[in-house]
Amino acid sequence: MASHIVGYPRMGPKRELKFALESFWDGKSSAEDLQKVAADLRESIWKQMADTGIKYIPSNTFSCYDQVLDTTAMLGAVPPRYGWNGGEIGFDVYFSMARGNASVPAMEMTKWFDTNYHFIVPELGPDVKFSYASHKAVTEYKEAKALGVDTVPVLVGPFSYLLLSKPAKGVEISFSLLSLLGKILPIYKEVITELKEAGASWIQFDEPTLVMDLESHKLHAFTEAYSTLEPTLSGLNVLIETYFADIPAEQYKTLTSLKGVLAFGFDAVRGTKTLDLIKGDFP
């Protein structure tokens, strides 16, 4: 039986990342010091999984803050108050969004579903100019490959990313965040293309919002999003992961009807009824 792990705790067995972050934030260590601790943790995590015999090992699940903020950086969706002028997003802008700085406050933080993790809520609107501004997913895939570990790069899916966002200040509360799919999918395509060129054979999209109650127009947007990505995903084995609860029957049907998706992730511990759907009708 082939085994797969969805993600892995990133703090380190002795909370190395926590102490490295606090040292960096206090100005007691450099960005290079923090990057070294992070790289060492990633290496130990990947090697531990490989030594345990896990076949499908994830990458891009490590973060210096949270995976949604990493996606905001990837999409270049930086609120104007942080003064970002383009280019690859570094720690200064990244941590300003997460923690604020001397002149501007942080973005809102909220709980990651019902876990003890939190994430920084993206602030979006019709005027956001998205751009490919963080190559972290590709860089970490290559980093693992150089260590002899071929991983499954993991991205927060475009559908869940938008549903976990909020309208930016000054944007009507009724603004449809899913209307931005057409603007962010080209960047997802760039990331996917780079991962393929780097040698990835698998890719995982985390779409945990599929376990929520969703109206039919949202499910239609989900289907349209992955139909748009399908040509770019050609040649890759695609896994779409859900978790935290049972997936409702309509979402299950929508998800398992997607073309070009080889694997699906379901939570059979928290989601005790999902197994009935799988037994009843699985592609």
C-alpha atoms as a PDB file:
ATOM      1  CA  MET A   1       0.000   0.000   0.000  1.00  0.00           C
ATOM      2  CA  ALA A   2       1.344   3.432  -0.941  1.00  0.00           C
ATOM      3  CA  SER A   3       1.149   6.036   1.825  1.00  0.00           C
ATOM      4  CA  HIS A   4       0.703   9.799   1.644  1.00  0.00           C
ATOM      5  CA  ILE A   5       0.796  12.496   4.292  1.00  0.00           C
ATOM      6  CA  VAL A   6      -1.158  15.732   3.877  1.00  0.00           C
ATOM      7  CA  GLY A   7       1.250  17.951   5.803  1.00  0.00           C
ATOM      8  CA  TYR A   8       3.616  18.018   8.764  1.00  0.00           C
ATOM      9  CA  PRO A   9       4.087  20.264  11.838  1.00  0.00           C
ATOM     10  CA  ARG A  10       6.655  22.909  11.021  1.00  0.00           C
ATOM     11  CA  MET A  11       7.774  24.251  14.441  1.00  0.00           C
ATOM     12  CA  GLY A  12      10.488  21.621  14.923  1.00  0.00           C
ATOM     13  CA  PRO A  13      10.867  19.054  17.713  1.00  0.00           C
ATOM     14  CA  LYS A  14      12.403  21.682  20.005  1.00  0.00           C
ATOM     15  CA  ARG A  15      10.379  24.630  18.617  1.00  0.00           C
ATOM     16  CA  GLU A  16      13.370  25.728  16.572  1.00  0.00           C
ATOM     17  CA  LEU A  17      11.270  27.775  14.149  1.00  0.00           C
ATOM     18  CA  LYS A  18       9.524  29.667  16.969  1.00  0.00           C
ATOM     19  CA  PHE A  19      12.827  30.700  18.540  1.00  0.00           C
ATOM     20  CA  ALA A  20      14.387  31.588  15.182  1.00  0.00           C
ATOM     21  CA  LEU A  21      11.382  33.765  14.273  1.00  0.00           C
ATOM     22  CA  GLU A  22      11.418  35.570  17.616  1.00  0.00           C
ATOM     23  CA  SER A  23      15.151  36.181  17.329  1.00  0.00           C
ATOM     24  CA  PHE A  24      14.725  37.600  13.821  1.00  0.00           C
ATOM     25  CA  TRP A  25      11.773  39.788  14.815  1.00  0.00           C
ATOM     26  CA  ASP A  26      13.766  41.147  17.786  1.00  0.00           C
ATOM     27  CA  GLY A  27      16.643  42.045  15.469  1.00  0.00           C
ATOM     28  CA  LYS A  28      19.001  39.590  17.175  1.00  0.00           C
ATOM     29  CA  SER A  29      19.574  37.482  14.049  1.00  0.00           C
ATOM     30  CA  SER A  30      19.587  37.970  10.291  1.00  0.00           C
ATOM     31  CA  ALA A  31      17.265  36.859   7.528  1.00  0.00           C
ATOM     32  CA  GLU A  32      19.971  34.416   6.485  1.00  0.00           C
ATOM     33  CA  ASP A  33      19.965  32.898   9.983  1.00  0.00           C
ATOM     34  CA  LEU A  34      16.203  32.414   9.820  1.00  0.00           C
ATOM     35  CA  GLN A  35      16.418  30.915   6.329  1.00  0.00           C
ATOM     36  CA  LYS A  36      19.105  28.486   7.537  1.00  0.00           C
ATOM     37  CA  VAL A  37      16.942  27.236  10.426  1.00  0.00           C
ATOM     38  CA  ALA A  38      13.960  26.885   8.070  1.00  0.00           C
ATOM     39  CA  ALA A  39      16.001  24.965   5.481  1.00  0.00           C
ATOM     40  CA  ASP A  40      17.407  22.620   8.139  1.00  0.00           C
ATOM     41  CA  LEU A  41      13.886  21.909   9.431  1.00  0.00           C
ATOM     42  CA  ARG A  42      12.571  21.191   5.941  1.00  0.00           C
ATOM     43  CA  GLU A  43      15.451  18.826   5.256  1.00  0.00           C
ATOM     44  CA  SER A  44      14.901  16.899   8.486  1.00  0.00           C
ATOM     45  CA  ILE A  45      11.144  16.676   7.857  1.00  0.00           C
ATOM     46  CA  TRP A  46      11.538  15.402   4.286  1.00  0.00           C
ATOM     47  CA  LYS A  47      14.204  12.889   5.268  1.00  0.00           C
ATOM     48  CA  GLN A  48      12.158  11.635   8.221  1.00  0.00           C
ATOM     49  CA  MET A  49       9.182  11.007   5.943  1.00  0.00           C
ATOM     50  CA  ALA A  50      11.368   9.309   3.342  1.00  0.00           C
ATOM     51  CA  ASP A  51      13.054   7.107   5.969  1.00  0.00           C
ATOM     52  CA  THR A  52       9.632   6.126   7.316  1.00  0.00           C
ATOM     53  CA  GLY A  53       8.697   4.837   3.870  1.00  0.00           C
ATOM     54  CA  ILE A  54       6.043   7.389   2.931  1.00  0.00           C
ATOM     55  CA  LYS A  55       5.759   7.342  -0.858  1.00  0.00           C
ATOM     56  CA  TYR A  56       3.998  10.661  -1.508  1.00  0.00           C
ATOM     57  CA  ILE A  57       5.810  13.325   0.523  1.00  0.00           C
ATOM     58  CA  PRO A  58       4.487  16.902   0.456  1.00  0.00           C
ATOM     59  CA  SER A  59       6.499  20.058  -0.124  1.00  0.00           C
ATOM     60  CA  ASN A  60       5.472  23.703   0.255  1.00  0.00           C
ATOM     61  CA  THR A  61       3.626  22.838   3.464  1.00  0.00           C
ATOM     62  CA  PHE A  62       6.376  24.467   5.528  1.00  0.00           C
ATOM     63  CA  SER A  63       5.775  28.138   6.296  1.00  0.00           C
ATOM     64  CA  CYS A  64       7.352  30.920   8.300  1.00  0.00           C
ATOM     65  CA  TYR A  65       3.843  32.114   9.141  1.00  0.00           C
ATOM     66  CA  ASP A  66       0.929  30.399   7.391  1.00  0.00           C
ATOM     67  CA  GLN A  67       0.046  28.798   4.075  1.00  0.00           C
ATOM     68  CA  VAL A  68      -2.670  31.317   3.167  1.00  0.00           C
ATOM     69  CA  LEU A  69      -0.247  34.223   3.631  1.00  0.00           C
ATOM     70  CA  ASP A  70       2.231  32.283   1.480  1.00  0.00           C
ATOM     71  CA  THR A  71      -0.450  32.131  -1.226  1.00  0.00           C
ATOM     72  CA  THR A  72      -1.133  35.861  -0.883  1.00  0.00           C
ATOM     73  CA  ALA A  73       2.569  36.412  -1.481  1.00  0.00           C
ATOM     74  CA  MET A  74       2.561  34.015  -4.446  1.00  0.00           C
ATOM     75  CA  LEU A  75      -0.298  36.013  -5.998  1.00  0.00           C
ATOM     76  CA  GLY A  76       1.226  39.403  -5.195  1.00  0.00           C
ATOM     77  CA  ALA A  77      -1.998  40.398  -3.411  1.00  0.00           C
ATOM     78  CA  VAL A  78      -0.292  42.860  -1.064  1.00  0.00           C
ATOM     79  CA  PRO A  79      -2.520  45.645   0.296  1.00  0.00           C
ATOM     80  CA  PRO A  80      -1.209  49.064  -0.833  1.00  0.00           C
ATOM     81  CA  ARG A  81      -0.491  50.236   2.733  1.00  0.00           C
ATOM     82  CA  TYR A  82       2.579  47.987   2.897  1.00  0.00           C
ATOM     83  CA  GLY A  83       4.355  49.914   0.140  1.00  0.00           C
ATOM     84  CA  TRP A  84       5.289  46.914  -1.984  1.00  0.00           C
ATOM     85  CA  ASN A  85       6.491  48.024  -5.416  1.00  0.00           C
ATOM     86  CA  GLY A  86       6.769  44.679  -7.180  1.00  0.00           C
ATOM     87  CA  GLY A  87       9.440  42.029  -7.417  1.00  0.00           C
ATOM     88  CA  GLU A  88       9.887  38.930  -5.285  1.00  0.00           C
ATOM     89  CA  ILE A  89       8.262  39.404  -1.882  1.00  0.00           C
ATOM     90  CA  GLY A  90      10.780  39.216   0.935  1.00  0.00           C
ATOM     91  CA  PHE A  91      10.545  38.905   4.700  1.00  0.00           C
ATOM     92  CA  ASP A  92      10.052  42.666   5.200  1.00  0.00           C
ATOM     93  CA  VAL A  93       6.741  42.829   3.301  1.00  0.00           C
ATOM     94  CA  TYR A  94       5.728  39.296   4.296  1.00  0.00           C
ATOM     95  CA  PHE A  95       6.058  39.888   8.028  1.00  0.00           C
ATOM     96  CA  SER A  96       4.587  43.388   7.764  1.00  0.00           C
ATOM     97  CA  MET A  97       1.399  41.816   6.432  1.00  0.00           C
ATOM     98  CA  ALA A  98       1.475  39.241   9.228  1.00  0.00           C
ATOM     99  CA  ARG A  99       2.526  41.407  12.174  1.00  0.00           C
ATOM    100  CA  GLY A 100       2.302  45.029  11.057  1.00  0.00           C
ATOM    101  CA  ASN A 101       5.198  47.468  11.396  1.00  0.00           C
ATOM    102  CA  ALA A 102       5.913  50.852  12.951  1.00  0.00           C
ATOM    103  CA  SER A 103       3.564  52.673  10.600  1.00  0.00           C
ATOM    104  CA  VAL A 104       0.793  50.245   9.577  1.00  0.00           C
ATOM    105  CA  PRO A 105      -1.155  47.468  11.326  1.00  0.00           C
ATOM    106  CA  ALA A 106      -1.181  43.796  10.414  1.00  0.00           C
ATOM    107  CA  MET A 107      -3.871  42.178   8.325  1.00  0.00           C
ATOM    108  CA  GLU A 108      -6.656  40.352  10.142  1.00  0.00           C
ATOM    109  CA  MET A 109      -5.882  36.955  11.651  1.00  0.00           C
ATOM    110  CA  THR A 110      -8.499  34.248  12.119  1.00  0.00           C
ATOM    111  CA  LYS A 111      -8.625  30.554  13.030  1.00  0.00           C
ATOM    112  CA  TRP A 112      -7.856  27.937  10.403  1.00  0.00           C
ATOM    113  CA  PHE A 113     -11.226  26.171  10.557  1.00  0.00           C
ATOM    114  CA  ASP A 114     -11.518  24.660  14.052  1.00  0.00           C
ATOM    115  CA  THR A 115      -7.821  24.002  14.652  1.00  0.00           C
ATOM    116  CA  ASN A 116      -5.371  25.902  16.848  1.00  0.00           C
ATOM    117  CA  TYR A 117      -3.607  27.219  13.755  1.00  0.00           C
ATOM    118  CA  HIS A 118      -4.436  30.692  12.452  1.00  0.00           C
ATOM    119  CA  PHE A 119      -4.091  32.381   9.085  1.00  0.00           C
ATOM    120  CA  ILE A 120      -3.819  35.917   7.760  1.00  0.00           C
ATOM    121  CA  VAL A 121      -7.018  36.818   5.909  1.00  0.00           C
ATOM    122  CA  PRO A 122      -6.427  38.112   2.356  1.00  0.00           C
ATOM    123  CA  GLU A 123      -7.926  41.552   1.585  1.00  0.00           C
ATOM    124  CA  LEU A 124      -9.209  41.545  -1.975  1.00  0.00           C
ATOM    125  CA  GLY A 125     -11.258  43.640  -4.357  1.00  0.00           C
ATOM    126  CA  PRO A 126     -11.804  44.334  -8.058  1.00  0.00           C
ATOM    127  CA  ASP A 127      -8.770  46.633  -8.272  1.00  0.00           C
ATOM    128  CA  VAL A 128      -6.155  44.200  -6.928  1.00  0.00           C
ATOM    129  CA  LYS A 129      -3.409  43.694  -9.510  1.00  0.00           C
ATOM    130  CA  PHE A 130      -2.223  40.135  -9.048  1.00  0.00           C
ATOM    131  CA  SER A 131       1.282  39.062 -10.111  1.00  0.00           C
ATOM    132  CA  TYR A 132       3.528  36.056  -9.566  1.00  0.00           C
ATOM    133  CA  ALA A 133       5.531  37.442  -6.656  1.00  0.00           C
ATOM    134  CA  SER A 134       6.751  34.466  -4.613  1.00  0.00           C
ATOM    135  CA  HIS A 135       8.358  31.380  -6.138  1.00  0.00           C
ATOM    136  CA  LYS A 136       8.381  29.496  -2.835  1.00  0.00           C
ATOM    137  CA  ALA A 137       6.458  26.444  -4.094  1.00  0.00           C
ATOM    138  CA  VAL A 138       8.901  25.826  -6.929  1.00  0.00           C
ATOM    139  CA  THR A 139      11.978  26.688  -4.870  1.00  0.00           C
ATOM    140  CA  GLU A 140      11.051  24.217  -2.133  1.00  0.00           C
ATOM    141  CA  TYR A 141      10.233  21.478  -4.631  1.00  0.00           C
ATOM    142  CA  LYS A 142      13.725  21.921  -6.138  1.00  0.00           C
ATOM    143  CA  GLU A 143      15.250  22.058  -2.659  1.00  0.00           C
ATOM    144  CA  ALA A 144      13.768  18.671  -1.750  1.00  0.00           C
ATOM    145  CA  LYS A 145      14.731  17.186  -5.109  1.00  0.00           C
ATOM    146  CA  ALA A 146      18.342  18.258  -4.563  1.00  0.00           C
ATOM    147  CA  LEU A 147      18.225  16.265  -1.319  1.00  0.00           C
ATOM    148  CA  GLY A 148      17.041  13.203  -3.237  1.00  0.00           C
ATOM    149  CA  VAL A 149      13.402  13.490  -2.205  1.00  0.00           C
ATOM    150  CA  ASP A 150      10.810  13.793  -4.974  1.00  0.00           C
ATOM    151  CA  THR A 151       7.825  15.525  -3.402  1.00  0.00           C
ATOM    152  CA  VAL A 152       4.210  16.403  -4.110  1.00  0.00           C
ATOM    153  CA  PRO A 153       4.052  20.224  -4.197  1.00  0.00           C
ATOM    154  CA  VAL A 154       1.019  21.491  -2.266  1.00  0.00           C
ATOM    155  CA  LEU A 155      -0.884  24.672  -3.087  1.00  0.00           C
ATOM    156  CA  VAL A 156      -3.873  26.220  -1.351  1.00  0.00           C
ATOM    157  CA  GLY A 157      -6.457  25.784  -4.099  1.00  0.00           C
ATOM    158  CA  PRO A 158      -7.717  28.912  -5.878  1.00  0.00           C
ATOM    159  CA  PHE A 159     -11.313  28.259  -4.860  1.00  0.00           C
ATOM    160  CA  SER A 160     -10.620  27.962  -1.134  1.00  0.00           C
ATOM    161  CA  TYR A 161      -8.153  30.861  -1.214  1.00  0.00           C
ATOM    162  CA  LEU A 162     -10.851  33.222  -2.446  1.00  0.00           C
ATOM    163  CA  LEU A 163     -13.549  31.888  -0.130  1.00  0.00           C
ATOM    164  CA  LEU A 164     -11.224  32.373   2.848  1.00  0.00           C
ATOM    165  CA  SER A 165     -10.597  36.003   1.840  1.00  0.00           C
ATOM    166  CA  LYS A 166     -12.566  39.142   2.670  1.00  0.00           C
ATOM    167  CA  PRO A 167     -13.399  42.314   0.712  1.00  0.00           C
ATOM    168  CA  ALA A 168     -10.712  44.949   1.247  1.00  0.00           C
ATOM    169  CA  LYS A 169     -11.513  48.215   3.005  1.00  0.00           C
ATOM    170  CA  GLY A 170     -13.724  50.348   0.785  1.00  0.00           C
ATOM    171  CA  VAL A 171     -14.966  47.358  -1.231  1.00  0.00           C
ATOM    172  CA  GLU A 172     -18.659  46.520  -0.995  1.00  0.00           C
ATOM    173  CA  ILE A 173     -19.290  43.685   1.436  1.00  0.00           C
ATOM    174  CA  SER A 174     -21.436  42.084  -1.264  1.00  0.00           C
ATOM    175  CA  PHE A 175     -18.467  41.888  -3.659  1.00  0.00           C
ATOM    176  CA  SER A 176     -18.124  38.369  -5.096  1.00  0.00           C
ATOM    177  CA  LEU A 177     -14.654  37.162  -4.216  1.00  0.00           C
ATOM    178  CA  LEU A 178     -15.039  34.246  -6.635  1.00  0.00           C
ATOM    179  CA  SER A 179     -15.293  36.797  -9.460  1.00  0.00           C
ATOM    180  CA  LEU A 180     -11.496  37.101  -9.073  1.00  0.00           C
ATOM    181  CA  LEU A 181     -10.856  33.516 -10.225  1.00  0.00           C
ATOM    182  CA  GLY A 182     -10.150  34.724 -13.760  1.00  0.00           C
ATOM    183  CA  LYS A 183      -7.416  37.005 -12.398  1.00  0.00           C
ATOM    184  CA  ILE A 184      -5.611  34.521 -10.172  1.00  0.00           C
ATOM    185  CA  LEU A 185      -5.778  31.403 -12.361  1.00  0.00           C
ATOM    186  CA  PRO A 186      -3.121  32.708 -14.809  1.00  0.00           C
ATOM    187  CA  ILE A 187      -0.684  32.875 -11.877  1.00  0.00           C
ATOM    188  CA  TYR A 188      -1.591  29.349 -10.788  1.00  0.00           C
ATOM    189  CA  LYS A 189      -0.858  28.316 -14.388  1.00  0.00           C
ATOM    190  CA  GLU A 190       2.603  29.909 -14.168  1.00  0.00           C
ATOM    191  CA  VAL A 191       3.358  28.053 -10.937  1.00  0.00           C
ATOM    192  CA  ILE A 192       2.101  24.745 -12.358  1.00  0.00           C
ATOM    193  CA  THR A 193       4.186  25.201 -15.515  1.00  0.00           C
ATOM    194  CA  GLU A 194       7.336  25.884 -13.483  1.00  0.00           C
ATOM    195  CA  LEU A 195       6.703  22.841 -11.288  1.00  0.00           C
ATOM    196  CA  LYS A 196       6.326  20.644 -14.373  1.00  0.00           C
ATOM    197  CA  GLU A 197       9.540  22.056 -15.823  1.00  0.00           C
ATOM    198  CA  ALA A 198      11.293  21.314 -12.514  1.00  0.00           C
ATOM    199  CA  GLY A 199      10.248  17.664 -12.807  1.00  0.00           C
ATOM    200  CA  ALA A 200       7.187  17.388 -10.581  1.00  0.00           C
ATOM    201  CA  SER A 201       4.945  14.434 -11.411  1.00  0.00           C
ATOM    202  CA  TRP A 202       2.265  15.149  -8.799  1.00  0.00           C
ATOM    203  CA  ILE A 203       0.568  18.289  -7.508  1.00  0.00           C
ATOM    204  CA  GLN A 204      -1.828  18.686  -4.591  1.00  0.00           C
ATOM    205  CA  PHE A 205      -4.469  21.392  -4.214  1.00  0.00           C
ATOM    206  CA  ASP A 206      -5.912  21.882  -0.748  1.00  0.00           C
ATOM    207  CA  GLU A 207      -9.614  22.762  -1.040  1.00  0.00           C
ATOM    208  CA  PRO A 208     -10.922  22.432   2.529  1.00  0.00           C
ATOM    209  CA  THR A 209     -13.839  24.827   1.906  1.00  0.00           C
ATOM    210  CA  LEU A 210     -15.505  22.012  -0.070  1.00  0.00           C
ATOM    211  CA  VAL A 211     -16.687  20.562   3.245  1.00  0.00           C
ATOM    212  CA  MET A 212     -18.736  23.720   3.923  1.00  0.00           C
ATOM    213  CA  ASP A 213     -22.317  24.334   2.807  1.00  0.00           C
ATOM    214  CA  LEU A 214     -21.951  25.898  -0.639  1.00  0.00           C
ATOM    215  CA  GLU A 215     -24.516  27.343  -3.027  1.00  0.00           C
ATOM    216  CA  SER A 216     -24.753  25.920  -6.555  1.00  0.00           C
ATOM    217  CA  HIS A 217     -23.152  29.000  -8.159  1.00  0.00           C
ATOM    218  CA  LYS A 218     -20.060  28.485  -5.995  1.00  0.00           C
ATOM    219  CA  LEU A 219     -19.798  24.840  -7.015  1.00  0.00           C
ATOM    220  CA  HIS A 220     -20.101  25.948 -10.637  1.00  0.00           C
ATOM    221  CA  ALA A 221     -17.197  28.367 -10.087  1.00  0.00           C
ATOM    222  CA  PHE A 222     -15.149  25.522  -8.574  1.00  0.00           C
ATOM    223  CA  THR A 223     -15.754  23.335 -11.625  1.00  0.00           C
ATOM    224  CA  GLU A 224     -14.959  26.206 -13.997  1.00  0.00           C
ATOM    225  CA  ALA A 225     -11.705  26.936 -12.157  1.00  0.00           C
ATOM    226  CA  TYR A 226     -10.341  23.413 -12.542  1.00  0.00           C
ATOM    227  CA  SER A 227     -11.633  23.165 -16.116  1.00  0.00           C
ATOM    228  CA  THR A 228      -9.577  26.281 -16.852  1.00  0.00           C
ATOM    229  CA  LEU A 229      -6.497  24.755 -15.214  1.00  0.00           C
ATOM    230  CA  GLU A 230      -6.934  21.346 -16.859  1.00  0.00           C
ATOM    231  CA  PRO A 231      -4.807  21.977 -20.010  1.00  0.00           C
ATOM    232  CA  THR A 232      -1.930  23.299 -17.884  1.00  0.00           C
ATOM    233  CA  LEU A 233      -2.219  20.356 -15.504  1.00  0.00           C
ATOM    234  CA  SER A 234      -1.917  17.879 -18.378  1.00  0.00           C
ATOM    235  CA  GLY A 235       0.991  15.533 -17.693  1.00  0.00           C
ATOM    236  CA  LEU A 236       0.689  15.872 -13.922  1.00  0.00           C
ATOM    237  CA  ASN A 237      -1.044  13.567 -11.469  1.00  0.00           C
ATOM    238  CA  VAL A 238      -3.512  15.836  -9.684  1.00  0.00           C
ATOM    239  CA  LEU A 239      -4.715  15.360  -6.098  1.00  0.00           C
ATOM    240  CA  ILE A 240      -7.437  17.544  -4.584  1.00  0.00           C
ATOM    241  CA  GLU A 241      -7.497  17.330  -0.817  1.00  0.00           C
ATOM    242  CA  THR A 242     -10.402  18.031   1.550  1.00  0.00           C
ATOM    243  CA  TYR A 243     -10.371  17.724   5.320  1.00  0.00           C
ATOM    244  CA  PHE A 244     -11.899  18.647   8.720  1.00  0.00           C
ATOM    245  CA  ALA A 245     -15.395  17.243   8.120  1.00  0.00           C
ATOM    246  CA  ASP A 246     -17.717  15.178   5.959  1.00  0.00           C
ATOM    247  CA  ILE A 247     -17.962  16.431   2.408  1.00  0.00           C
ATOM    248  CA  PRO A 248     -21.621  17.052   1.481  1.00  0.00           C
ATOM    249  CA  ALA A 249     -23.040  14.852  -1.266  1.00  0.00           C
ATOM    250  CA  GLU A 250     -23.331  17.648  -3.846  1.00  0.00           C
ATOM    251  CA  GLN A 251     -19.738  18.763  -3.304  1.00  0.00           C
ATOM    252  CA  TYR A 252     -18.602  15.138  -3.465  1.00  0.00           C
ATOM    253  CA  LYS A 253     -20.346  14.688  -6.798  1.00  0.00           C
ATOM    254  CA  THR A 254     -18.879  17.934  -8.152  1.00  0.00           C
ATOM    255  CA  LEU A 255     -15.362  17.053  -7.012  1.00  0.00           C
ATOM    256  CA  THR A 256     -15.320  13.479  -8.274  1.00  0.00           C
ATOM    257  CA  SER A 257     -16.759  14.566 -11.636  1.00  0.00           C
ATOM    258  CA  LEU A 258     -13.725  16.716 -12.472  1.00  0.00           C
ATOM    259  CA  LYS A 259     -11.740  15.700 -15.519  1.00  0.00           C
ATOM    260  CA  GLY A 260      -7.997  15.311 -15.233  1.00  0.00           C
ATOM    261  CA  VAL A 261      -7.988  14.735 -11.463  1.00  0.00           C
ATOM    262  CA  LEU A 262      -6.459  11.397 -10.473  1.00  0.00           C
ATOM    263  CA  ALA A 263      -6.781  11.401  -6.686  1.00  0.00           C
ATOM    264  CA  PHE A 264      -9.051  12.776  -3.983  1.00  0.00           C
ATOM    265  CA  GLY A 265      -8.381  13.295  -0.299  1.00  0.00           C
ATOM    266  CA  PHE A 266     -11.181  12.798   2.224  1.00  0.00           C
ATOM    267  CA  ASP A 267     -11.219  12.914   6.000  1.00  0.00           C
ATOM    268  CA  ALA A 268     -12.529   9.533   7.143  1.00  0.00           C
ATOM    269  CA  VAL A 269     -11.901  10.310  10.816  1.00  0.00           C
ATOM    270  CA  ARG A 270     -13.713  13.616  11.220  1.00  0.00           C
ATOM    271  CA  GLY A 271     -15.951  12.763   8.269  1.00  0.00           C
ATOM    272  CA  THR A 272     -17.688   9.568   9.249  1.00  0.00           C
ATOM    273  CA  LYS A 273     -20.372   9.784   6.549  1.00  0.00           C
ATOM    274  CA  THR A 274     -18.044  10.390   3.602  1.00  0.00           C
ATOM    275  CA  LEU A 275     -17.202   6.692   3.442  1.00  0.00           C
ATOM    276  CA  ASP A 276     -20.831   5.975   2.528  1.00  0.00           C
ATOM    277  CA  LEU A 277     -20.498   8.317  -0.471  1.00  0.00           C
ATOM    278  CA  ILE A 278     -17.293   6.578  -1.553  1.00  0.00           C
ATOM    279  CA  LYS A 279     -18.875   3.134  -1.223  1.00  0.00           C
ATOM    280  CA  GLY A 280     -21.923   4.282  -3.150  1.00  0.00           C
ATOM    281  CA  ASP A 281     -20.273   5.995  -6.104  1.00  0.00           C
ATOM    282  CA  PHE A 282     -16.551   6.425  -6.672  1.00  0.00           C
ATOM    283  CA  PRO A 283     -15.033   7.054 -10.114  1.00  0.00           C
END
